[in-house]
C-alpha atoms as a PDB file:
ATOM      1  CA  MET A   1     121.505  95.180  90.289  1.00  0.00           C
ATOM      2  CA  GLN A   2     119.083  92.385  89.554  1.00  0.00           C
ATOM      3  CA  GLN A   3     115.496  92.765  90.746  1.00  0.00           C
ATOM      4  CA  ALA A   4     113.869  90.045  92.811  1.00  0.00           C
ATOM      5  CA  TYR A   5     110.423  88.798  91.915  1.00  0.00           C
ATOM      6  CA  LEU A   6     108.053  86.802  94.097  1.00  0.00           C
ATOM      7  CA  THR A   7     105.387  84.378  92.941  1.00  0.00           C
ATOM      8  CA  ARG A   8     101.808  84.506  94.242  1.00  0.00           C
ATOM      9  CA  PRO A   9     102.462  81.645  96.704  1.00  0.00           C
ATOM     10  CA  GLN A  10     105.524  83.492  98.018  1.00  0.00           C
ATOM     11  CA  VAL A  11     103.535  86.719  98.447  1.00  0.00           C
ATOM     12  CA  LYS A  12     100.741  84.851 100.229  1.00  0.00           C
ATOM     13  CA  ALA A  13     103.298  83.270 102.559  1.00  0.00           C
ATOM     14  CA  ARG A  14     104.985  86.635 103.167  1.00  0.00           C
ATOM     15  CA  TYR A  15     101.726  88.151 104.426  1.00  0.00           C
ATOM     16  CA  GLN A  16     100.174  84.911 105.706  1.00  0.00           C
ATOM     17  CA  ILE A  17      97.013  85.437 103.676  1.00  0.00           C
ATOM     18  CA  SER A  18      94.610  83.189 101.799  1.00  0.00           C
ATOM     19  CA  GLU A  19      94.008  83.042  98.056  1.00  0.00           C
ATOM     20  CA  MET A  20      90.745  84.973  98.498  1.00  0.00           C
ATOM     21  CA  THR A  21      92.486  87.756 100.427  1.00  0.00           C
ATOM     22  CA  MET A  22      95.163  87.957  97.750  1.00  0.00           C
ATOM     23  CA  TRP A  23      92.483  88.268  95.081  1.00  0.00           C
ATOM     24  CA  ARG A  24      90.733  91.025  97.065  1.00  0.00           C
ATOM     25  CA  TRP A  25      93.954  92.958  97.562  1.00  0.00           C
ATOM     26  CA  GLU A  26      94.662  92.857  93.825  1.00  0.00           C
ATOM     27  CA  LYS A  27      91.134  94.038  92.955  1.00  0.00           C
ATOM     28  CA  ASN A  28      90.795  96.828  95.569  1.00  0.00           C
ATOM     29  CA  PRO A  29      92.055 100.134  94.074  1.00  0.00           C
ATOM     30  CA  ASP A  30      91.861 101.862  97.488  1.00  0.00           C
ATOM     31  CA  LEU A  31      94.446  99.452  98.909  1.00  0.00           C
ATOM     32  CA  ASN A  32      96.952 100.327  96.166  1.00  0.00           C
ATOM     33  CA  PHE A  33      98.514  96.843  96.306  1.00  0.00           C
ATOM     34  CA  PRO A  34     101.305  96.412  93.725  1.00  0.00           C
ATOM     35  CA  GLN A  35     100.107  94.877  90.497  1.00  0.00           C
ATOM     36  CA  PRO A  36     101.941  91.820  89.235  1.00  0.00           C
ATOM     37  CA  MET A  37     103.820  91.272  86.026  1.00  0.00           C
ATOM     38  CA  VAL A  38     102.152  88.446  84.114  1.00  0.00           C
ATOM     39  CA  VAL A  39     104.293  85.948  82.239  1.00  0.00           C
ATOM     40  CA  GLY A  40     102.207  83.336  80.513  1.00  0.00           C
ATOM     41  CA  ARG A  41      99.544  82.723  83.133  1.00  0.00           C
ATOM     42  CA  ARG A  42     101.830  83.234  86.119  1.00  0.00           C
ATOM     43  CA  LYS A  43     101.996  86.393  88.200  1.00  0.00           C
ATOM     44  CA  TYR A  44     105.211  87.813  89.596  1.00  0.00           C
ATOM     45  CA  PHE A  45     105.493  90.695  92.049  1.00  0.00           C
ATOM     46  CA  LYS A  46     108.540  92.951  92.320  1.00  0.00           C
ATOM     47  CA  GLU A  47     109.912  92.608  95.820  1.00  0.00           C
ATOM     48  CA  GLU A  48     110.846  96.314  95.894  1.00  0.00           C
ATOM     49  CA  ASP A  49     107.221  97.257  95.059  1.00  0.00           C
ATOM     50  CA  LEU A  50     105.976  95.110  97.932  1.00  0.00           C
ATOM     51  CA  THR A  51     108.485  96.686 100.319  1.00  0.00           C
ATOM     52  CA  ALA A  52     107.451 100.191  99.200  1.00  0.00           C
ATOM     53  CA  TRP A  53     103.778  99.256  99.687  1.00  0.00           C
ATOM     54  CA  GLU A  54     104.565  98.034 103.214  1.00  0.00           C
ATOM     55  CA  ARG A  55     106.298 101.345 104.027  1.00  0.00           C
ATOM     56  CA  ASP A  56     103.343 103.310 102.668  1.00  0.00           C
ATOM     57  CA  ARG A  57     100.917 101.250 104.764  1.00  0.00           C
ATOM     58  CA  VAL A  58     102.898 102.084 107.922  1.00  0.00           C
ATOM     59  CA  LYS A  59     102.687 105.815 107.072  1.00  0.00           C
ATOM     60  CA  VAL A  60      98.920 105.575 106.542  1.00  0.00           C
ATOM     61  CA  THR A  61      98.238 103.758 109.812  1.00  0.00           C
ATOM     62  CA  ALA A  62     100.694 105.769 111.942  1.00  0.00           C
END
């Protein structure tokens, strides 16, 4: 099965966040936001990592 990757703009749209919020999420180790794969100067996020992070966030807040 092929893995899906999302670009930074796609991730920002998914969560409806600004560039600054995205930067903060990536830099905050307590948030445990998935780290991107860097190709050239572009960042790509595994969609399955984002989905797992969302599930973990629900467990933490519930």
